[in-house]
Amino acid sequence: MPTDYIAKWLGEWSSEVNLASTALKTAIVIVMAVVLGCERSRNRHAAGLRTFIVLSIGSMFAGIADIYFIKNLGVNFSFMSAAVFIGISIITTNTIVYSSKNQIMGLTTSIGVWTMSIISAILGYGLYTAALIGFAALMIGLLAFSKLEYYIKNKSDHFEIHLELKTRGSLQEFITAAREFGLKIDNLELNPAYANSGLSVYTVRFTIIDKSLRKKRHSDIIEALSVLDCVYYMEKIG
């Protein structure tokens, strides 16, 4: 008898490899992929609607194939799902890149792709309840906690900026001004992506050491530093 709550409610057919259960799983996985894909596309991430639909269907059918092989061919290892997970891990690793501002891009989407592939495979195995709970948790993590993460970052004593100076000789002027303002420079790296732009571009990591500054938002601190004559442009990273 099926042990999954939803599968038990639907009947034994839902846990077997047949046309009806395959159609149901396909419909569920497409709905989940559309919801997640729309969220990623709306935020202009590389992996969007079609990507999530295709990978989710592939992972789900890998789970179905493993169940069939285990029950009917005596295979004792879920090799189809393992192959899918390895392939997706390789692909997603290659999609994580550094932008011209030394900012990591694609990390959340890559992890979302990997997580969605696992959820889809679980659905393919016939674990409807676990798959739906996992998908709900994934969407809560992406949507509900984004504002909390933003709030926590803005309350931190540490932040990082992308800094463009008018000339390389202006760097010492900026460092002096930042220190006088109440900031400690933890790290400063020259950004080679702008080598031929005529600008001196850096990634700078700060720690707020002035107690009065800790009450201000990072955006207010950046705005105050932006008025320096040596600064061409600056913005927060992350």
C-alpha atoms as a PDB file:
ATOM      1  CA  MET A   1       0.000   0.000   0.000  1.00  0.00           C
ATOM      2  CA  PRO A   2       1.210   3.512  -0.761  1.00  0.00           C
ATOM      3  CA  THR A   3       2.706   5.311   2.233  1.00  0.00           C
ATOM      4  CA  ASP A   4       2.584   8.803   0.753  1.00  0.00           C
ATOM      5  CA  TYR A   5      -0.512  10.643   2.033  1.00  0.00           C
ATOM      6  CA  ILE A   6      -1.588  12.023  -1.346  1.00  0.00           C
ATOM      7  CA  ALA A   7      -0.795   8.754  -3.124  1.00  0.00           C
ATOM      8  CA  LYS A   8      -2.803   6.866  -0.496  1.00  0.00           C
ATOM      9  CA  TRP A   9      -5.747   9.199  -1.039  1.00  0.00           C
ATOM     10  CA  LEU A  10      -5.517   8.858  -4.841  1.00  0.00           C
ATOM     11  CA  GLY A  11      -5.106   5.104  -4.809  1.00  0.00           C
ATOM     12  CA  GLU A  12      -2.413   2.543  -5.608  1.00  0.00           C
ATOM     13  CA  TRP A  13      -2.444   3.464  -9.309  1.00  0.00           C
ATOM     14  CA  SER A  14      -0.783   6.791  -8.483  1.00  0.00           C
ATOM     15  CA  SER A  15       2.340   5.019  -7.161  1.00  0.00           C
ATOM     16  CA  GLU A  16       2.654   2.672 -10.112  1.00  0.00           C
ATOM     17  CA  VAL A  17       4.234   3.317 -13.492  1.00  0.00           C
ATOM     18  CA  ASN A  18       1.240   3.727 -15.793  1.00  0.00           C
ATOM     19  CA  LEU A  19      -0.283   6.237 -18.165  1.00  0.00           C
ATOM     20  CA  ALA A  20      -2.572   7.868 -15.605  1.00  0.00           C
ATOM     21  CA  SER A  21       0.095   8.420 -12.927  1.00  0.00           C
ATOM     22  CA  THR A  22       2.579   9.672 -15.536  1.00  0.00           C
ATOM     23  CA  ALA A  23       0.050  12.183 -16.865  1.00  0.00           C
ATOM     24  CA  LEU A  24      -0.758  13.386 -13.338  1.00  0.00           C
ATOM     25  CA  LYS A  25       2.899  13.779 -12.399  1.00  0.00           C
ATOM     26  CA  THR A  26       3.613  15.612 -15.648  1.00  0.00           C
ATOM     27  CA  ALA A  27       0.767  18.060 -15.019  1.00  0.00           C
ATOM     28  CA  ILE A  28       1.914  18.714 -11.442  1.00  0.00           C
ATOM     29  CA  VAL A  29       5.548  19.208 -12.366  1.00  0.00           C
ATOM     30  CA  ILE A  30       4.675  21.602 -15.201  1.00  0.00           C
ATOM     31  CA  VAL A  31       2.559  23.730 -12.848  1.00  0.00           C
ATOM     32  CA  MET A  32       5.402  23.858 -10.314  1.00  0.00           C
ATOM     33  CA  ALA A  33       7.946  24.680 -13.009  1.00  0.00           C
ATOM     34  CA  VAL A  34       5.747  27.457 -14.418  1.00  0.00           C
ATOM     35  CA  VAL A  35       5.351  29.056 -10.984  1.00  0.00           C
ATOM     36  CA  LEU A  36       9.090  28.938 -10.289  1.00  0.00           C
ATOM     37  CA  GLY A  37      10.061  29.885 -13.835  1.00  0.00           C
ATOM     38  CA  CYS A  38       7.780  32.923 -13.822  1.00  0.00           C
ATOM     39  CA  GLU A  39       9.320  34.093 -10.536  1.00  0.00           C
ATOM     40  CA  ARG A  40      12.834  33.799 -11.969  1.00  0.00           C
ATOM     41  CA  SER A  41      11.862  35.391 -15.311  1.00  0.00           C
ATOM     42  CA  ARG A  42      10.110  38.278 -13.583  1.00  0.00           C
ATOM     43  CA  ASN A  43      13.366  39.067 -11.812  1.00  0.00           C
ATOM     44  CA  ARG A  44      15.258  38.768 -15.119  1.00  0.00           C
ATOM     45  CA  HIS A  45      17.363  35.747 -14.202  1.00  0.00           C
ATOM     46  CA  ALA A  46      19.046  33.646 -16.873  1.00  0.00           C
ATOM     47  CA  ALA A  47      17.158  30.428 -16.102  1.00  0.00           C
ATOM     48  CA  GLY A  48      13.541  31.259 -16.807  1.00  0.00           C
ATOM     49  CA  LEU A  49      10.243  29.623 -17.636  1.00  0.00           C
ATOM     50  CA  ARG A  50      11.298  27.197 -20.383  1.00  0.00           C
ATOM     51  CA  THR A  51      14.469  26.159 -18.569  1.00  0.00           C
ATOM     52  CA  PHE A  52      12.601  25.133 -15.438  1.00  0.00           C
ATOM     53  CA  ILE A  53       9.867  23.342 -17.403  1.00  0.00           C
ATOM     54  CA  VAL A  54      12.363  21.277 -19.403  1.00  0.00           C
ATOM     55  CA  LEU A  55      14.627  20.358 -16.482  1.00  0.00           C
ATOM     56  CA  SER A  56      11.663  19.532 -14.229  1.00  0.00           C
ATOM     57  CA  ILE A  57      10.091  17.219 -16.798  1.00  0.00           C
ATOM     58  CA  GLY A  58      13.448  15.532 -17.420  1.00  0.00           C
ATOM     59  CA  SER A  59      14.101  14.992 -13.713  1.00  0.00           C
ATOM     60  CA  MET A  60      10.575  13.680 -13.153  1.00  0.00           C
ATOM     61  CA  PHE A  61      10.877  11.123 -15.959  1.00  0.00           C
ATOM     62  CA  ALA A  62      14.257  10.059 -14.595  1.00  0.00           C
ATOM     63  CA  GLY A  63      12.503   9.276 -11.313  1.00  0.00           C
ATOM     64  CA  ILE A  64       9.765   7.345 -13.127  1.00  0.00           C
ATOM     65  CA  ALA A  65      12.355   5.395 -15.122  1.00  0.00           C
ATOM     66  CA  ASP A  66      14.231   4.473 -11.937  1.00  0.00           C
ATOM     67  CA  ILE A  67      11.044   3.149 -10.339  1.00  0.00           C
ATOM     68  CA  TYR A  68      10.338   1.040 -13.438  1.00  0.00           C
ATOM     69  CA  PHE A  69      13.887  -0.340 -13.598  1.00  0.00           C
ATOM     70  CA  ILE A  70      13.909  -1.167  -9.879  1.00  0.00           C
ATOM     71  CA  LYS A  71      10.521  -2.918  -9.906  1.00  0.00           C
ATOM     72  CA  ASN A  72      10.736  -4.712 -13.250  1.00  0.00           C
ATOM     73  CA  LEU A  73      14.409  -5.171 -14.137  1.00  0.00           C
ATOM     74  CA  GLY A  74      15.903  -5.831 -10.733  1.00  0.00           C
ATOM     75  CA  VAL A  75      18.077  -2.710 -10.782  1.00  0.00           C
ATOM     76  CA  ASN A  76      18.972  -1.649  -7.235  1.00  0.00           C
ATOM     77  CA  PHE A  77      20.381   1.806  -7.938  1.00  0.00           C
ATOM     78  CA  SER A  78      18.637   4.987  -9.113  1.00  0.00           C
ATOM     79  CA  PHE A  79      21.141   5.585 -11.898  1.00  0.00           C
ATOM     80  CA  MET A  80      18.874   7.744 -14.085  1.00  0.00           C
ATOM     81  CA  SER A  81      18.278  10.289 -11.324  1.00  0.00           C
ATOM     82  CA  ALA A  82      21.961  10.181 -10.354  1.00  0.00           C
ATOM     83  CA  ALA A  83      22.938  10.960 -13.948  1.00  0.00           C
ATOM     84  CA  VAL A  84      20.496  13.875 -14.054  1.00  0.00           C
ATOM     85  CA  PHE A  85      21.768  15.329 -10.769  1.00  0.00           C
ATOM     86  CA  ILE A  86      25.394  15.063 -11.895  1.00  0.00           C
ATOM     87  CA  GLY A  87      24.606  16.693 -15.226  1.00  0.00           C
ATOM     88  CA  ILE A  88      22.648  19.533 -13.632  1.00  0.00           C
ATOM     89  CA  SER A  89      25.399  20.066 -11.049  1.00  0.00           C
ATOM     90  CA  ILE A  90      27.962  20.481 -13.830  1.00  0.00           C
ATOM     91  CA  ILE A  91      25.731  22.819 -15.836  1.00  0.00           C
ATOM     92  CA  THR A  92      24.769  24.998 -12.879  1.00  0.00           C
ATOM     93  CA  THR A  93      28.374  25.257 -11.700  1.00  0.00           C
ATOM     94  CA  ASN A  94      29.312  26.722 -15.078  1.00  0.00           C
ATOM     95  CA  THR A  95      26.496  29.282 -14.897  1.00  0.00           C
ATOM     96  CA  ILE A  96      27.833  30.888 -11.705  1.00  0.00           C
ATOM     97  CA  VAL A  97      29.923  33.832 -12.896  1.00  0.00           C
ATOM     98  CA  TYR A  98      31.439  37.068 -11.662  1.00  0.00           C
ATOM     99  CA  SER A  99      30.038  40.241 -13.167  1.00  0.00           C
ATOM    100  CA  SER A 100      32.213  43.171 -14.232  1.00  0.00           C
ATOM    101  CA  LYS A 101      31.584  44.545 -10.731  1.00  0.00           C
ATOM    102  CA  ASN A 102      33.077  41.437  -9.078  1.00  0.00           C
ATOM    103  CA  GLN A 103      29.602  40.356  -7.983  1.00  0.00           C
ATOM    104  CA  ILE A 104      28.675  36.679  -7.986  1.00  0.00           C
ATOM    105  CA  MET A 105      25.755  36.142 -10.358  1.00  0.00           C
ATOM    106  CA  GLY A 106      23.541  33.123 -10.937  1.00  0.00           C
ATOM    107  CA  LEU A 107      24.137  31.442  -7.576  1.00  0.00           C
ATOM    108  CA  THR A 108      20.515  31.508  -6.348  1.00  0.00           C
ATOM    109  CA  THR A 109      19.148  30.465  -9.741  1.00  0.00           C
ATOM    110  CA  SER A 110      21.667  27.608  -9.998  1.00  0.00           C
ATOM    111  CA  ILE A 111      20.717  26.315  -6.558  1.00  0.00           C
ATOM    112  CA  GLY A 112      17.039  26.714  -7.501  1.00  0.00           C
ATOM    113  CA  VAL A 113      17.604  24.617 -10.642  1.00  0.00           C
ATOM    114  CA  TRP A 114      19.350  21.921  -8.614  1.00  0.00           C
ATOM    115  CA  THR A 115      16.661  21.915  -5.905  1.00  0.00           C
ATOM    116  CA  MET A 116      13.830  21.825  -8.438  1.00  0.00           C
ATOM    117  CA  SER A 117      15.433  18.837 -10.158  1.00  0.00           C
ATOM    118  CA  ILE A 118      15.445  16.937  -6.855  1.00  0.00           C
ATOM    119  CA  ILE A 119      11.819  17.860  -6.141  1.00  0.00           C
ATOM    120  CA  SER A 120      10.816  16.718  -9.645  1.00  0.00           C
ATOM    121  CA  ALA A 121      12.621  13.397  -9.239  1.00  0.00           C
ATOM    122  CA  ILE A 122      10.891  12.869  -5.883  1.00  0.00           C
ATOM    123  CA  LEU A 123       7.575  13.451  -7.620  1.00  0.00           C
ATOM    124  CA  GLY A 124       8.608  10.931 -10.261  1.00  0.00           C
ATOM    125  CA  TYR A 125       9.135   8.365  -7.507  1.00  0.00           C
ATOM    126  CA  GLY A 126       5.503   8.907  -6.467  1.00  0.00           C
ATOM    127  CA  LEU A 127       6.174  10.925  -3.319  1.00  0.00           C
ATOM    128  CA  TYR A 128       3.566  13.581  -4.050  1.00  0.00           C
ATOM    129  CA  THR A 129       3.358  14.972  -0.519  1.00  0.00           C
ATOM    130  CA  ALA A 130       7.117  15.360  -0.107  1.00  0.00           C
ATOM    131  CA  ALA A 131       7.421  16.984  -3.528  1.00  0.00           C
ATOM    132  CA  LEU A 132       4.676  19.535  -2.871  1.00  0.00           C
ATOM    133  CA  ILE A 133       6.031  20.357   0.597  1.00  0.00           C
ATOM    134  CA  GLY A 134       9.521  20.744  -0.862  1.00  0.00           C
ATOM    135  CA  PHE A 135       8.242  23.017  -3.622  1.00  0.00           C
ATOM    136  CA  ALA A 136       6.313  25.162  -1.131  1.00  0.00           C
ATOM    137  CA  ALA A 137       9.453  25.484   1.002  1.00  0.00           C
ATOM    138  CA  LEU A 138      11.483  26.442  -2.071  1.00  0.00           C
ATOM    139  CA  MET A 139       9.054  29.208  -3.060  1.00  0.00           C
ATOM    140  CA  ILE A 140       8.881  30.516   0.510  1.00  0.00           C
ATOM    141  CA  GLY A 141      12.670  30.649   0.569  1.00  0.00           C
ATOM    142  CA  LEU A 142      12.793  32.606  -2.686  1.00  0.00           C
ATOM    143  CA  LEU A 143       9.905  34.988  -2.043  1.00  0.00           C
ATOM    144  CA  ALA A 144       9.226  35.444   1.656  1.00  0.00           C
ATOM    145  CA  PHE A 145      12.820  35.641   2.843  1.00  0.00           C
ATOM    146  CA  SER A 146      14.161  38.006   0.172  1.00  0.00           C
ATOM    147  CA  LYS A 147      12.909  41.081   2.060  1.00  0.00           C
ATOM    148  CA  LEU A 148      14.258  39.717   5.339  1.00  0.00           C
ATOM    149  CA  GLU A 149      17.643  39.140   3.720  1.00  0.00           C
ATOM    150  CA  TYR A 150      17.643  42.693   2.351  1.00  0.00           C
ATOM    151  CA  TYR A 151      16.773  44.073   5.803  1.00  0.00           C
ATOM    152  CA  ILE A 152      19.532  42.072   7.529  1.00  0.00           C
ATOM    153  CA  LYS A 153      22.138  43.135   4.973  1.00  0.00           C
ATOM    154  CA  ASN A 154      21.232  46.784   5.415  1.00  0.00           C
ATOM    155  CA  LYS A 155      21.569  46.479   9.192  1.00  0.00           C
ATOM    156  CA  SER A 156      25.013  44.931   8.924  1.00  0.00           C
ATOM    157  CA  ASP A 157      28.179  46.850   9.840  1.00  0.00           C
ATOM    158  CA  HIS A 158      29.774  45.432   6.703  1.00  0.00           C
ATOM    159  CA  PHE A 159      29.010  46.251   3.085  1.00  0.00           C
ATOM    160  CA  GLU A 160      30.700  46.228  -0.297  1.00  0.00           C
ATOM    161  CA  ILE A 161      30.680  48.790  -3.101  1.00  0.00           C
ATOM    162  CA  HIS A 162      31.583  49.136  -6.739  1.00  0.00           C
ATOM    163  CA  LEU A 163      33.715  52.284  -6.976  1.00  0.00           C
ATOM    164  CA  GLU A 164      34.719  54.257 -10.049  1.00  0.00           C
ATOM    165  CA  LEU A 165      37.272  57.026  -9.519  1.00  0.00           C
ATOM    166  CA  LYS A 166      38.066  59.724 -12.048  1.00  0.00           C
ATOM    167  CA  THR A 167      41.822  59.037 -11.876  1.00  0.00           C
ATOM    168  CA  ARG A 168      44.016  56.429 -10.226  1.00  0.00           C
ATOM    169  CA  GLY A 169      45.708  59.209  -8.282  1.00  0.00           C
ATOM    170  CA  SER A 170      42.372  59.873  -6.564  1.00  0.00           C
ATOM    171  CA  LEU A 171      42.494  56.612  -4.639  1.00  0.00           C
ATOM    172  CA  GLN A 172      44.380  57.993  -1.652  1.00  0.00           C
ATOM    173  CA  GLU A 173      41.962  60.922  -1.453  1.00  0.00           C
ATOM    174  CA  PHE A 174      39.023  58.529  -1.337  1.00  0.00           C
ATOM    175  CA  ILE A 175      40.635  56.276   1.282  1.00  0.00           C
ATOM    176  CA  THR A 176      41.376  59.264   3.518  1.00  0.00           C
ATOM    177  CA  ALA A 177      37.844  60.608   3.163  1.00  0.00           C
ATOM    178  CA  ALA A 178      36.298  57.189   3.924  1.00  0.00           C
ATOM    179  CA  ARG A 179      38.369  56.816   7.079  1.00  0.00           C
ATOM    180  CA  GLU A 180      37.508  60.308   8.263  1.00  0.00           C
ATOM    181  CA  PHE A 181      33.860  59.501   7.610  1.00  0.00           C
ATOM    182  CA  GLY A 182      34.034  56.584  10.056  1.00  0.00           C
ATOM    183  CA  LEU A 183      34.635  53.619   7.761  1.00  0.00           C
ATOM    184  CA  LYS A 184      37.309  50.958   7.872  1.00  0.00           C
ATOM    185  CA  ILE A 185      38.457  49.530   4.535  1.00  0.00           C
ATOM    186  CA  ASP A 186      38.681  45.755   4.900  1.00  0.00           C
ATOM    187  CA  ASN A 187      39.528  44.975   1.312  1.00  0.00           C
ATOM    188  CA  LEU A 188      40.195  46.947  -1.873  1.00  0.00           C
ATOM    189  CA  GLU A 189      40.670  45.302  -5.264  1.00  0.00           C
ATOM    190  CA  LEU A 190      41.351  46.850  -8.647  1.00  0.00           C
ATOM    191  CA  ASN A 191      38.775  45.643 -11.178  1.00  0.00           C
ATOM    192  CA  PRO A 192      40.595  44.568 -14.379  1.00  0.00           C
ATOM    193  CA  ALA A 193      37.359  44.545 -16.411  1.00  0.00           C
ATOM    194  CA  TYR A 194      37.632  48.337 -16.752  1.00  0.00           C
ATOM    195  CA  ALA A 195      41.340  48.424 -17.640  1.00  0.00           C
ATOM    196  CA  ASN A 196      40.832  50.338 -20.909  1.00  0.00           C
ATOM    197  CA  SER A 197      37.949  52.553 -19.816  1.00  0.00           C
ATOM    198  CA  GLY A 198      40.054  55.474 -18.612  1.00  0.00           C
ATOM    199  CA  LEU A 199      38.584  55.043 -15.129  1.00  0.00           C
ATOM    200  CA  SER A 200      40.054  53.505 -12.005  1.00  0.00           C
ATOM    201  CA  VAL A 201      37.516  50.954 -10.871  1.00  0.00           C
ATOM    202  CA  TYR A 202      37.654  49.094  -7.563  1.00  0.00           C
ATOM    203  CA  THR A 203      35.665  46.748  -5.393  1.00  0.00           C
ATOM    204  CA  VAL A 204      35.800  48.000  -1.803  1.00  0.00           C
ATOM    205  CA  ARG A 205      34.623  46.239   1.347  1.00  0.00           C
ATOM    206  CA  PHE A 206      33.880  48.459   4.358  1.00  0.00           C
ATOM    207  CA  THR A 207      33.258  48.025   8.063  1.00  0.00           C
ATOM    208  CA  ILE A 208      31.331  50.791   9.840  1.00  0.00           C
ATOM    209  CA  ILE A 209      33.296  51.812  12.936  1.00  0.00           C
ATOM    210  CA  ASP A 210      31.589  55.122  13.750  1.00  0.00           C
ATOM    211  CA  LYS A 211      28.638  54.361  16.060  1.00  0.00           C
ATOM    212  CA  SER A 212      26.576  57.214  14.642  1.00  0.00           C
ATOM    213  CA  LEU A 213      26.853  55.732  11.134  1.00  0.00           C
ATOM    214  CA  ARG A 214      25.364  52.430  12.273  1.00  0.00           C
ATOM    215  CA  LYS A 215      21.965  54.108  12.488  1.00  0.00           C
ATOM    216  CA  LYS A 216      22.137  55.086   8.814  1.00  0.00           C
ATOM    217  CA  ARG A 217      21.278  52.989   5.810  1.00  0.00           C
ATOM    218  CA  HIS A 218      24.076  51.845   3.562  1.00  0.00           C
ATOM    219  CA  SER A 219      22.513  53.815   0.725  1.00  0.00           C
ATOM    220  CA  ASP A 220      22.770  57.019   2.777  1.00  0.00           C
ATOM    221  CA  ILE A 221      26.463  56.394   3.453  1.00  0.00           C
ATOM    222  CA  ILE A 222      27.131  55.703  -0.212  1.00  0.00           C
ATOM    223  CA  GLU A 223      25.240  58.833  -1.225  1.00  0.00           C
ATOM    224  CA  ALA A 224      27.363  60.899   1.168  1.00  0.00           C
ATOM    225  CA  LEU A 225      30.598  59.496  -0.267  1.00  0.00           C
ATOM    226  CA  SER A 226      29.414  59.940  -3.845  1.00  0.00           C
ATOM    227  CA  VAL A 227      29.658  63.736  -3.596  1.00  0.00           C
ATOM    228  CA  LEU A 228      33.458  63.575  -3.285  1.00  0.00           C
ATOM    229  CA  ASP A 229      35.180  65.266  -6.220  1.00  0.00           C
ATOM    230  CA  CYS A 230      37.324  62.190  -6.890  1.00  0.00           C
ATOM    231  CA  VAL A 231      34.321  59.854  -7.290  1.00  0.00           C
ATOM    232  CA  TYR A 232      32.867  59.277 -10.736  1.00  0.00           C
ATOM    233  CA  TYR A 233      30.314  56.641  -9.687  1.00  0.00           C
ATOM    234  CA  MET A 234      29.674  54.180  -6.864  1.00  0.00           C
ATOM    235  CA  GLU A 235      26.995  51.703  -5.879  1.00  0.00           C
ATOM    236  CA  LYS A 236      26.435  48.923  -3.392  1.00  0.00           C
ATOM    237  CA  ILE A 237      27.149  45.330  -4.353  1.00  0.00           C
ATOM    238  CA  GLY A 238      24.667  42.727  -3.148  1.00  0.00           C
END
